[in-house]
Amino acid sequence: MRIVLVGPPGAGKGTQATRLAETLRVPHISTGDLFRANISQQTELGKLAKSYMDAGNLVPDEVTIAMAKDRMEQPDAENGFLLDGFPRNVSQAEALDELLESEGIKLDAVLDLEAPEEEVVKRIAGRRVCRNESAHVFHVTYNKPAQEGVCDVCGGELYQRDDDSEETVRKRLEVYHTQTEPIIDYYKSQGLVVTISAMGAVDEVTGRALEALKRDDA
């Protein structure tokens, strides 16, 4: 299967992408991993992306698209893939369509993980991370440490990362609504969108997703 995974920050896309890709036996292709791999391997695309990032600029769509194209052409993606974080906007979605069409293949589904905005804010803003190298993660509501502010594993100090503050989370959600959410309508016009609730236990969401994809594939 060839799947695009979408959803707001905090909907659990990374967790579900890993689990779904493993079950479906296709590679999980995330934008973050693409950037890290290309930069660490010092590919031409990686050097180009790094030059923009070092200057504090966004990496242009054409660079991201070229990285995705290169990754999707690897042997392990021959029978399918799960895209996470790409496409991020309608122009990238259009470019992906053109790319797949040139290869004579098409997407099977766009899996949309839905979560209420206030729940997303609560999930992210409540995270606390250990300052020690282990970087264990806790949550003020869902995974409380035995002693407030102290890591259960190594005794390190727990803190809230800057990008987990409520103000930053709401800004990230605003970016998602204006830039990424429109691709859902774009793919709905192609009859590809499968929407499920991202609420509940991780196993429940994974089961819900697999069932929805199975129905869509029927």
Protein backbone atom coordinates (compact mmCIF):
# COMPACT_ATOMS: atom_id res chain seq x y z
CA MET A 1 0.00 0.00 0.00
CA ARG A 2 1.01 3.58 -0.67
CA ILE A 3 -0.29 5.80 2.12
CA VAL A 4 0.01 9.42 3.20
CA LEU A 5 -0.49 10.04 6.93
CA VAL A 6 -1.84 13.44 8.01
CA GLY A 7 -3.01 14.97 11.25
CA PRO A 8 -2.24 17.85 13.62
CA PRO A 9 0.82 17.97 15.87
CA GLY A 10 0.16 15.77 18.90
CA ALA A 11 -2.18 13.38 17.09
CA GLY A 12 0.40 10.59 17.41
CA LYS A 13 1.44 10.41 13.75
CA GLY A 14 5.01 9.30 14.45
CA THR A 15 3.93 6.47 16.75
CA GLN A 16 1.19 5.27 14.42
CA ALA A 17 3.38 5.60 11.32
CA THR A 18 6.01 3.29 12.83
CA ARG A 19 3.43 0.70 13.89
CA LEU A 20 1.44 0.78 10.65
CA ALA A 21 4.53 0.59 8.45
CA GLU A 22 5.75 -2.44 10.39
CA THR A 23 2.38 -4.21 10.13
CA LEU A 24 1.94 -3.37 6.44
CA ARG A 25 5.60 -4.21 5.72
CA VAL A 26 6.34 -0.95 3.93
CA PRO A 27 8.99 1.67 4.77
CA HIS A 28 8.05 4.62 6.98
CA ILE A 29 9.28 7.73 5.17
CA SER A 30 9.26 10.87 7.32
CA THR A 31 10.45 14.33 6.33
CA GLY A 32 12.62 14.56 9.46
CA ASP A 33 14.35 11.27 8.68
CA LEU A 34 14.90 12.34 5.06
CA PHE A 35 16.60 15.56 6.16
CA ARG A 36 18.72 13.84 8.81
CA ALA A 37 19.83 11.05 6.46
CA ASN A 38 20.74 13.37 3.59
CA ILE A 39 22.56 15.81 5.85
CA SER A 40 24.50 13.10 7.75
CA GLN A 41 25.45 11.38 4.47
CA GLN A 42 26.39 14.76 3.00
CA THR A 43 24.46 14.17 -0.21
CA GLU A 44 24.10 17.09 -2.60
CA LEU A 45 20.49 17.49 -1.48
CA GLY A 46 21.58 17.30 2.14
CA LYS A 47 24.18 20.02 1.67
CA LEU A 48 21.60 22.18 -0.09
CA ALA A 49 19.01 21.66 2.66
CA LYS A 50 21.61 22.41 5.35
CA SER A 51 22.56 25.69 3.66
CA TYR A 52 18.96 26.88 3.96
CA MET A 53 18.57 25.60 7.52
CA ASP A 54 21.84 27.17 8.68
CA ALA A 55 20.64 30.50 7.30
CA GLY A 56 17.43 30.13 9.29
CA ASN A 57 15.30 29.67 6.17
CA LEU A 58 12.73 27.02 5.26
CA VAL A 59 13.95 24.30 2.92
CA PRO A 60 12.24 24.91 -0.47
CA ASP A 61 9.58 22.46 -1.62
CA GLU A 62 11.66 21.33 -4.60
CA VAL A 63 14.46 20.11 -2.30
CA THR A 64 12.05 18.21 -0.04
CA ILE A 65 10.32 16.71 -3.08
CA ALA A 66 13.64 15.62 -4.59
CA MET A 67 14.60 13.89 -1.31
CA ALA A 68 11.22 12.12 -1.17
CA LYS A 69 11.54 11.05 -4.81
CA ASP A 70 14.98 9.57 -4.18
CA ARG A 71 13.72 7.68 -1.11
CA MET A 72 10.61 6.32 -2.82
CA GLU A 73 12.79 4.93 -5.61
CA GLN A 74 14.74 2.72 -3.20
CA PRO A 75 14.14 -1.07 -3.55
CA ASP A 76 12.36 -1.43 -0.19
CA ALA A 77 9.65 1.01 -1.34
CA GLU A 78 8.89 -0.88 -4.54
CA ASN A 79 5.67 -2.39 -3.15
CA GLY A 80 4.56 0.58 -1.08
CA PHE A 81 5.43 3.20 1.52
CA LEU A 82 3.95 5.31 4.29
CA LEU A 83 4.64 9.03 3.98
CA ASP A 84 4.69 10.99 7.26
CA GLY A 85 5.15 14.78 7.14
CA PHE A 86 5.12 14.88 3.34
CA PRO A 87 3.31 16.33 1.51
CA ARG A 88 3.04 19.29 3.88
CA ASN A 89 1.04 21.61 1.59
CA VAL A 90 -1.07 21.47 -1.57
CA SER A 91 1.83 22.33 -3.90
CA GLN A 92 3.79 19.37 -2.50
CA ALA A 93 0.71 17.16 -2.90
CA GLU A 94 0.41 18.20 -6.54
CA ALA A 95 4.11 17.51 -7.08
CA LEU A 96 3.72 14.08 -5.45
CA ASP A 97 0.82 13.28 -7.79
CA GLU A 98 2.93 14.23 -10.80
CA LEU A 99 5.84 12.15 -9.52
CA LEU A 100 3.71 9.05 -8.92
CA GLU A 101 1.94 9.45 -12.25
CA SER A 102 5.30 9.57 -14.04
CA GLU A 103 6.12 6.24 -12.39
CA GLY A 104 2.74 4.74 -13.30
CA ILE A 105 1.64 4.32 -9.68
CA LYS A 106 -0.85 6.04 -7.38
CA LEU A 107 -1.73 6.49 -3.72
CA ASP A 108 -4.05 3.96 -2.10
CA ALA A 109 -5.20 6.11 0.81
CA VAL A 110 -4.66 9.28 2.82
CA LEU A 111 -5.12 8.44 6.51
CA ASP A 112 -6.33 11.47 8.47
CA LEU A 113 -5.84 11.25 12.26
CA GLU A 114 -8.35 13.50 14.00
CA ALA A 115 -7.92 14.88 17.51
CA PRO A 116 -9.66 17.83 19.23
CA GLU A 117 -7.47 20.91 19.38
CA GLU A 118 -7.60 21.25 23.16
CA GLU A 119 -6.60 17.60 23.54
CA VAL A 120 -3.62 18.17 21.22
CA VAL A 121 -2.53 21.19 23.29
CA LYS A 122 -2.93 19.16 26.50
CA ARG A 123 -0.89 16.25 25.10
CA ILE A 124 2.06 18.35 23.95
CA ALA A 125 2.12 21.11 26.58
CA GLY A 126 1.97 18.48 29.33
CA ARG A 127 5.14 16.69 28.22
CA ARG A 128 8.16 16.82 30.49
CA VAL A 129 11.58 15.57 29.38
CA CYS A 130 14.57 14.47 31.46
CA ARG A 131 17.57 16.80 31.10
CA ASN A 132 19.98 13.86 31.29
CA GLU A 133 21.19 12.09 28.16
CA SER A 134 18.48 9.43 28.48
CA ALA A 135 15.83 12.12 27.75
CA HIS A 136 13.01 9.99 29.21
CA VAL A 137 9.58 11.51 28.60
CA PHE A 138 6.78 11.92 31.14
CA HIS A 139 3.44 13.73 31.13
CA VAL A 140 1.82 15.80 33.86
CA THR A 141 -1.52 14.02 33.27
CA TYR A 142 -1.01 10.76 31.39
CA ASN A 143 2.37 9.55 32.68
CA LYS A 144 3.19 11.30 35.94
CA PRO A 145 6.58 10.74 37.57
CA ALA A 146 6.50 9.43 41.13
CA GLN A 147 8.02 12.71 42.32
CA GLU A 148 7.06 15.91 40.52
CA GLY A 149 9.90 17.28 38.38
CA VAL A 150 12.13 14.21 38.87
CA CYS A 151 12.79 11.44 36.35
CA ASP A 152 11.71 8.03 37.69
CA VAL A 153 14.47 6.30 35.72
CA CYS A 154 17.64 8.25 36.52
CA GLY A 155 16.63 10.99 38.96
CA GLY A 156 17.34 13.77 36.48
CA GLU A 157 15.43 17.05 36.34
CA LEU A 158 12.29 17.06 34.20
CA TYR A 159 11.62 20.18 32.13
CA GLN A 160 9.30 21.48 29.44
CA ARG A 161 10.98 21.99 26.06
CA ASP A 162 10.49 25.44 24.50
CA ASP A 163 8.65 23.95 21.52
CA ASP A 164 6.24 22.19 23.89
CA SER A 165 4.95 25.41 25.50
CA GLU A 166 1.25 26.10 24.99
CA GLU A 167 1.99 29.27 23.00
CA THR A 168 4.30 27.40 20.61
CA VAL A 169 1.87 24.48 20.26
CA ARG A 170 -0.95 26.85 19.29
CA LYS A 171 1.32 28.50 16.70
CA ARG A 172 2.19 25.07 15.27
CA LEU A 173 -1.51 24.24 15.07
CA GLU A 174 -2.15 27.51 13.26
CA VAL A 175 0.51 26.60 10.70
CA TYR A 176 -1.06 23.14 10.34
CA HIS A 177 -4.54 24.62 9.74
CA THR A 178 -3.34 27.12 7.14
CA GLN A 179 -0.70 25.06 5.30
CA THR A 180 -1.28 21.33 5.78
CA GLU A 181 -4.99 20.88 6.46
CA PRO A 182 -5.95 22.03 2.92
CA ILE A 183 -4.37 18.85 1.50
CA ILE A 184 -7.19 16.88 3.15
CA ASP A 185 -9.73 18.61 0.89
CA TYR A 186 -7.35 18.18 -2.03
CA TYR A 187 -7.25 14.42 -1.51
CA LYS A 188 -10.96 14.20 -0.65
CA SER A 189 -11.67 15.36 -4.19
CA GLN A 190 -9.79 12.23 -5.31
CA GLY A 191 -11.73 9.98 -2.93
CA LEU A 192 -8.59 8.99 -1.03
CA VAL A 193 -9.20 10.29 2.50
CA VAL A 194 -9.91 7.87 5.35
CA THR A 195 -10.54 9.69 8.64
CA ILE A 196 -10.24 8.06 12.06
CA SER A 197 -10.17 9.29 15.64
CA ALA A 198 -6.70 9.54 17.17
CA MET A 199 -8.20 9.38 20.67
CA GLY A 200 -7.71 6.41 22.97
CA ALA A 201 -4.91 3.92 23.65
CA VAL A 202 -2.16 3.53 21.06
CA ASP A 203 -3.23 -0.06 20.27
CA GLU A 204 -6.82 1.05 19.78
CA VAL A 205 -5.84 3.77 17.30
CA THR A 206 -3.59 1.35 15.37
CA GLY A 207 -6.40 -1.21 15.16
CA ARG A 208 -8.84 1.49 14.06
CA ALA A 209 -6.42 2.62 11.34
CA LEU A 210 -5.78 -0.89 10.00
CA GLU A 211 -9.50 -1.63 9.91
CA ALA A 212 -10.22 1.62 8.06
CA LEU A 213 -7.44 0.95 5.53
CA LYS A 214 -8.69 -2.59 5.04
CA ARG A 215 -12.22 -1.34 4.31
CA ASP A 216 -10.84 1.31 1.97
CA ASP A 217 -8.78 -1.29 0.14
CA ALA A 218 -11.73 -3.64 -0.25
